[in-house]
Amino acid sequence: MTMGIYEISLATLVSINVISALGLNLISGFCGQISLGHAAFYGIGAYTAAILAKAGLPFPAALLAGMALAGLAGLIVGLTSLRVREDFLAITTMGVGFLFIGIVRQNAFLGGEMGISAIPAIGLSKAGFLAMVLILAALTTVFNLWVKKSWMGFAFEAVADDEDTARVLSLDVSSYKLTAFALGTALAGLAGGLYTFFARFISPDNFGFVTSISILSMVAVGGIGSVFGVLVSTIFLTLMPEFFQFLSDYKLLVYGALLFGAMRFWPDGLAGLYASLAGRQGRRSSDRAEGP
């Protein structure tokens, strides 16, 4: 099957969102830190890459610089939030998101309300760009899976479950929280840089609170901490407005409702729902095998 430009663009957008959502999964899913400002780090990566590319820096260098600066910004926010817990951390990160948008809108060097246009092309065809983003999304997925099974992943889980108990186990809670924040925001910066070279135009509207809620919805609906669930929900939520055009004007409402439903009725998300259904099917098969 041959993909047209429209299908290639959708697949590219899905892959970029996968990288961003899996970045938040490291912070919120694995380490239990709720961030409502993930779009700010996505935007830092995008704006850094755009400015450096327009200044003549090669594509890989601009992309890596955006990723590094977003990770550094995440590290700084993490440092200032070490003593802040749960709901206060959520409010703090939300404030970071509003601060970023305020700076961008008021700064003529960053394009202000008009954003940045005419970002240089990188010399790849649409299909070539998709192939590159797919590879990066696959590497991000493998990295998430590796972290989950590694000692670092077990430490993240311990911190998420109970910080005081983690300290009793001699875990350096602050270091693990900072590591999760730096890694997750660096991935957001990578996704932002890729979006810059994909769209070749960025504006503050791309990185506002709505985007943060969209990314958080992808993580929560899929199942916080589940790599498989986040992949499925990111694909579904990215494509949903395209296949259900009548919902496109109510995107934030739908995302908010799904986020509320996930947190209230199925906290383990799609991954938990799948595990529950698979468990029931297994028990039925076992009952049939045992007979009356």
Protein backbone atom coordinates (compact mmCIF):
# COMPACT_ATOMS: atom_id res chain seq x y z
CA MET A 1 0.00 0.00 0.00
CA THR A 2 1.34 3.40 -1.01
CA MET A 3 0.93 6.21 1.50
CA GLY A 4 -0.07 9.66 0.32
CA ILE A 5 1.21 12.94 1.75
CA TYR A 6 -1.75 13.11 4.15
CA GLU A 7 -1.14 9.63 5.59
CA ILE A 8 2.61 10.28 5.85
CA SER A 9 1.96 13.55 7.71
CA LEU A 10 -0.40 11.82 10.15
CA ALA A 11 2.07 9.01 10.80
CA THR A 12 4.84 11.58 11.40
CA LEU A 13 2.67 13.49 13.87
CA VAL A 14 1.78 10.26 15.69
CA SER A 15 5.48 9.32 15.97
CA ILE A 16 6.41 12.77 17.33
CA ASN A 17 3.61 12.53 19.91
CA VAL A 18 4.82 9.05 20.91
CA ILE A 19 8.27 10.48 21.75
CA SER A 20 6.72 13.33 23.75
CA ALA A 21 4.21 11.10 25.61
CA LEU A 22 6.86 8.50 26.48
CA GLY A 23 8.97 11.35 27.87
CA LEU A 24 6.14 12.29 30.22
CA ASN A 25 5.69 8.60 31.02
CA LEU A 26 9.21 8.60 32.50
CA ILE A 27 8.33 11.52 34.77
CA SER A 28 4.74 10.77 35.75
CA GLY A 29 4.34 7.10 34.90
CA PHE A 30 7.55 5.67 36.27
CA CYS A 31 8.56 8.21 38.94
CA GLY A 32 5.11 9.45 40.02
CA GLN A 33 5.72 13.17 39.48
CA ILE A 34 2.69 14.91 38.00
CA SER A 35 3.66 17.48 35.37
CA LEU A 36 1.09 19.81 33.80
CA GLY A 37 3.70 21.81 31.89
CA HIS A 38 5.21 19.23 29.56
CA ALA A 39 4.36 21.35 26.51
CA ALA A 40 6.77 24.04 27.75
CA PHE A 41 9.74 21.67 27.36
CA TYR A 42 8.32 20.53 24.01
CA GLY A 43 8.29 24.22 23.07
CA ILE A 44 11.83 24.88 24.34
CA GLY A 45 13.10 22.14 22.04
CA ALA A 46 11.06 23.47 19.12
CA TYR A 47 12.06 27.13 19.51
CA THR A 48 15.73 26.32 20.12
CA ALA A 49 15.91 24.14 17.01
CA ALA A 50 14.07 26.75 14.92
CA ILE A 51 16.30 29.66 15.95
CA LEU A 52 19.53 27.72 15.53
CA ALA A 53 18.45 26.30 12.16
CA LYS A 54 17.59 29.79 10.91
CA ALA A 55 21.02 30.94 12.14
CA GLY A 56 22.61 28.32 9.89
CA LEU A 57 23.32 25.46 12.30
CA PRO A 58 23.00 22.00 10.69
CA PHE A 59 19.83 20.02 11.42
CA PRO A 60 21.36 17.38 13.76
CA ALA A 61 23.13 20.03 15.84
CA ALA A 62 20.00 22.19 16.12
CA LEU A 63 17.91 19.16 17.09
CA LEU A 64 20.38 18.00 19.74
CA ALA A 65 20.74 21.54 21.12
CA GLY A 66 16.95 21.76 21.54
CA MET A 67 16.91 18.40 23.28
CA ALA A 68 19.78 19.38 25.59
CA LEU A 69 18.30 22.78 26.50
CA ALA A 70 14.90 21.23 27.26
CA GLY A 71 16.61 18.63 29.47
CA LEU A 72 18.58 21.36 31.25
CA ALA A 73 15.38 23.37 31.78
CA GLY A 74 13.72 20.24 33.16
CA LEU A 75 16.65 19.72 35.51
CA ILE A 76 16.35 23.29 36.81
CA VAL A 77 12.58 22.95 37.31
CA GLY A 78 13.17 19.62 39.02
CA LEU A 79 15.76 21.18 41.36
CA THR A 80 13.37 23.93 42.38
CA SER A 81 10.58 21.41 42.94
CA LEU A 82 12.42 18.79 45.01
CA ARG A 83 10.61 19.70 48.20
CA VAL A 84 7.26 20.08 46.48
CA ARG A 85 4.92 17.12 46.37
CA GLU A 86 2.12 15.90 44.13
CA ASP A 87 -0.59 18.56 43.72
CA PHE A 88 1.86 21.41 44.46
CA LEU A 89 4.27 20.00 41.88
CA ALA A 90 1.41 19.88 39.36
CA ILE A 91 0.65 23.56 40.02
CA THR A 92 4.33 24.47 39.79
CA THR A 93 4.78 22.78 36.41
CA MET A 94 1.55 24.35 35.16
CA GLY A 95 3.02 27.72 36.13
CA VAL A 96 6.18 26.90 34.15
CA GLY A 97 3.98 26.25 31.12
CA PHE A 98 2.23 29.62 31.43
CA LEU A 99 5.57 31.35 32.05
CA PHE A 100 7.03 29.87 28.86
CA ILE A 101 4.04 30.97 26.77
CA GLY A 102 4.17 34.45 28.32
CA ILE A 103 7.88 34.84 27.47
CA VAL A 104 7.42 33.62 23.91
CA ARG A 105 4.40 35.84 23.22
CA GLN A 106 6.16 38.98 24.50
CA ASN A 107 9.55 38.37 22.89
CA ALA A 108 10.05 39.74 19.37
CA PHE A 109 13.25 37.69 18.95
CA LEU A 110 11.10 34.54 19.37
CA GLY A 111 8.54 35.80 16.87
CA GLY A 112 5.99 36.94 19.45
CA GLU A 113 2.39 36.08 18.65
CA MET A 114 3.28 35.46 14.99
CA GLY A 115 5.70 32.63 15.77
CA ILE A 116 8.63 31.59 13.59
CA SER A 117 8.15 30.73 9.93
CA ALA A 118 10.34 29.72 6.97
CA ILE A 119 12.33 27.25 9.05
CA PRO A 120 14.92 25.66 6.73
CA ALA A 121 14.11 22.27 5.21
CA ILE A 122 16.51 19.45 6.09
CA GLY A 123 16.73 17.90 2.63
CA LEU A 124 14.66 14.78 3.32
CA SER A 125 11.51 13.81 1.46
CA LYS A 126 8.28 13.44 3.48
CA ALA A 127 8.73 9.66 3.47
CA GLY A 128 12.38 9.99 4.47
CA PHE A 129 11.47 12.31 7.36
CA LEU A 130 8.80 9.82 8.50
CA ALA A 131 11.34 6.98 8.42
CA MET A 132 13.73 9.01 10.58
CA VAL A 133 11.00 9.92 13.12
CA LEU A 134 9.76 6.32 13.23
CA ILE A 135 13.28 5.13 14.08
CA LEU A 136 13.56 7.75 16.85
CA ALA A 137 10.11 6.79 18.21
CA ALA A 138 11.14 3.12 18.19
CA LEU A 139 14.39 3.94 20.02
CA THR A 140 12.41 5.98 22.56
CA THR A 141 10.08 3.02 23.11
CA VAL A 142 13.01 0.64 23.59
CA PHE A 143 14.58 3.14 26.01
CA ASN A 144 11.33 3.30 28.03
CA LEU A 145 11.16 -0.51 28.17
CA TRP A 146 14.82 -0.71 29.20
CA VAL A 147 14.35 1.86 31.96
CA LYS A 148 11.27 0.01 33.25
CA LYS A 149 13.22 -3.26 33.61
CA SER A 150 16.42 -1.67 34.89
CA TRP A 151 17.56 -0.91 38.42
CA MET A 152 16.79 2.74 37.70
CA GLY A 153 13.20 1.78 36.81
CA PHE A 154 12.80 -0.15 40.07
CA ALA A 155 14.14 2.89 41.94
CA PHE A 156 11.68 5.17 40.09
CA GLU A 157 8.85 2.82 41.12
CA ALA A 158 9.97 2.84 44.74
CA VAL A 159 10.06 6.66 44.75
CA ALA A 160 6.61 6.81 43.15
CA ASP A 161 5.15 4.36 45.70
CA ASP A 162 6.54 5.93 48.87
CA GLU A 163 9.42 8.41 49.07
CA ASP A 164 10.01 7.84 52.79
CA THR A 165 10.28 4.08 52.35
CA ALA A 166 12.61 4.61 49.39
CA ARG A 167 14.90 6.70 51.63
CA VAL A 168 14.87 3.93 54.24
CA LEU A 169 16.09 1.61 51.47
CA SER A 170 19.04 4.03 50.97
CA LEU A 171 17.79 5.30 47.63
CA ASP A 172 18.79 8.86 46.73
CA VAL A 173 15.25 10.08 46.08
CA SER A 174 16.28 13.54 44.89
CA SER A 175 18.72 12.16 42.31
CA TYR A 176 16.16 9.76 40.86
CA LYS A 177 13.47 12.46 40.66
CA LEU A 178 15.91 14.80 38.88
CA THR A 179 17.01 12.03 36.52
CA ALA A 180 13.42 11.29 35.56
CA PHE A 181 12.69 14.99 34.99
CA ALA A 182 15.85 15.55 32.90
CA LEU A 183 15.32 12.46 30.74
CA GLY A 184 11.60 13.09 30.23
CA THR A 185 11.99 16.76 29.35
CA ALA A 186 14.92 16.01 27.02
CA LEU A 187 12.64 13.64 25.11
CA ALA A 188 10.01 16.40 25.00
CA GLY A 189 12.69 18.69 23.55
CA LEU A 190 13.56 16.08 20.93
CA ALA A 191 9.89 15.80 19.96
CA GLY A 192 9.62 19.60 19.79
CA GLY A 193 12.66 19.87 17.52
CA LEU A 194 11.27 17.21 15.21
CA TYR A 195 7.93 19.05 15.09
CA THR A 196 9.80 22.24 14.12
CA PHE A 197 11.44 20.61 11.09
CA PHE A 198 8.21 18.76 10.24
CA ALA A 199 5.89 21.78 10.28
CA ARG A 200 8.53 24.43 9.44
CA PHE A 201 6.36 26.92 11.30
CA ILE A 202 5.78 27.22 15.04
CA SER A 203 3.77 29.59 17.20
CA PRO A 204 2.92 29.87 20.92
CA ASP A 205 -0.42 28.14 20.25
CA ASN A 206 1.43 24.88 19.56
CA PHE A 207 2.86 24.70 23.10
CA GLY A 208 0.14 25.94 25.45
CA PHE A 209 -1.83 24.33 28.26
CA VAL A 210 -4.03 22.47 25.78
CA THR A 211 -0.98 20.64 24.45
CA SER A 212 0.13 19.74 27.99
CA ILE A 213 -3.32 18.29 28.74
CA SER A 214 -3.29 16.39 25.44
CA ILE A 215 0.06 14.76 26.27
CA LEU A 216 -1.05 13.99 29.83
CA SER A 217 -4.25 12.41 28.45
CA MET A 218 -2.17 10.13 26.22
CA VAL A 219 -0.28 8.87 29.27
CA ALA A 220 -3.27 8.60 31.64
CA VAL A 221 -5.70 7.00 29.17
CA GLY A 222 -3.08 4.46 28.10
CA GLY A 223 -2.22 3.56 31.68
CA ILE A 224 0.27 5.54 33.73
CA GLY A 225 3.59 3.70 33.59
CA SER A 226 2.55 1.32 30.80
CA VAL A 227 4.68 1.70 27.66
CA PHE A 228 2.28 -0.40 25.57
CA GLY A 229 -0.77 1.50 26.85
CA VAL A 230 0.82 4.90 26.14
CA LEU A 231 1.64 3.82 22.58
CA VAL A 232 -1.94 2.72 21.92
CA SER A 233 -3.58 5.78 23.47
CA THR A 234 -1.18 8.18 21.70
CA ILE A 235 -2.04 6.67 18.33
CA PHE A 236 -5.76 6.74 19.15
CA LEU A 237 -5.89 10.28 20.56
CA THR A 238 -3.73 11.74 17.77
CA LEU A 239 -5.82 10.19 15.02
CA MET A 240 -9.21 10.67 16.69
CA PRO A 241 -9.77 14.30 15.50
CA GLU A 242 -8.83 13.23 11.96
CA PHE A 243 -11.28 10.33 11.76
CA PHE A 244 -14.03 12.04 13.76
CA GLN A 245 -13.99 15.51 12.23
CA PHE A 246 -17.10 16.59 14.13
CA LEU A 247 -15.06 16.24 17.34
CA SER A 248 -12.19 18.45 16.18
CA ASP A 249 -13.81 21.61 17.60
CA TYR A 250 -14.33 19.85 20.93
CA LYS A 251 -10.88 18.28 21.15
CA LEU A 252 -10.03 19.74 24.57
CA LEU A 253 -13.46 18.76 25.93
CA VAL A 254 -13.04 15.17 24.73
CA TYR A 255 -9.48 14.94 26.05
CA GLY A 256 -10.60 16.36 29.39
CA ALA A 257 -13.49 13.90 29.62
CA LEU A 258 -11.20 10.98 28.78
CA LEU A 259 -8.66 12.18 31.33
CA PHE A 260 -11.37 12.48 33.99
CA GLY A 261 -12.79 9.06 33.10
CA ALA A 262 -9.35 7.45 33.19
CA MET A 263 -8.48 8.93 36.58
CA ARG A 264 -11.92 8.25 38.10
CA PHE A 265 -13.08 4.94 36.63
CA TRP A 266 -10.08 3.11 35.15
CA PRO A 267 -6.92 4.44 36.85
CA ASP A 268 -4.78 1.77 35.19
CA GLY A 269 -5.92 2.96 31.74
CA LEU A 270 -6.16 0.80 28.63
CA ALA A 271 -3.30 -1.38 29.85
CA GLY A 272 -5.21 -2.21 33.05
CA LEU A 273 -8.42 -2.82 31.10
CA TYR A 274 -6.59 -5.20 28.76
CA ALA A 275 -5.01 -7.05 31.70
CA SER A 276 -8.42 -7.37 33.37
CA LEU A 277 -10.08 -8.75 30.23
CA ALA A 278 -7.16 -11.12 29.60
CA GLY A 279 -7.41 -12.34 33.21
CA ARG A 280 -11.14 -13.04 32.87
CA GLN A 281 -10.58 -14.88 29.60
CA GLY A 282 -7.84 -16.94 31.25
CA ARG A 283 -10.08 -17.87 34.18
CA ARG A 284 -12.90 -18.90 31.82
CA SER A 285 -10.53 -21.09 29.82
CA SER A 286 -9.26 -22.63 33.04
CA ASP A 287 -12.83 -23.32 34.24
CA ARG A 288 -13.73 -24.97 30.93
CA ALA A 289 -10.59 -27.13 31.07
CA GLU A 290 -11.42 -28.31 34.62
CA GLY A 291 -15.01 -29.13 33.59
CA PRO A 292 -18.04 -29.54 35.87
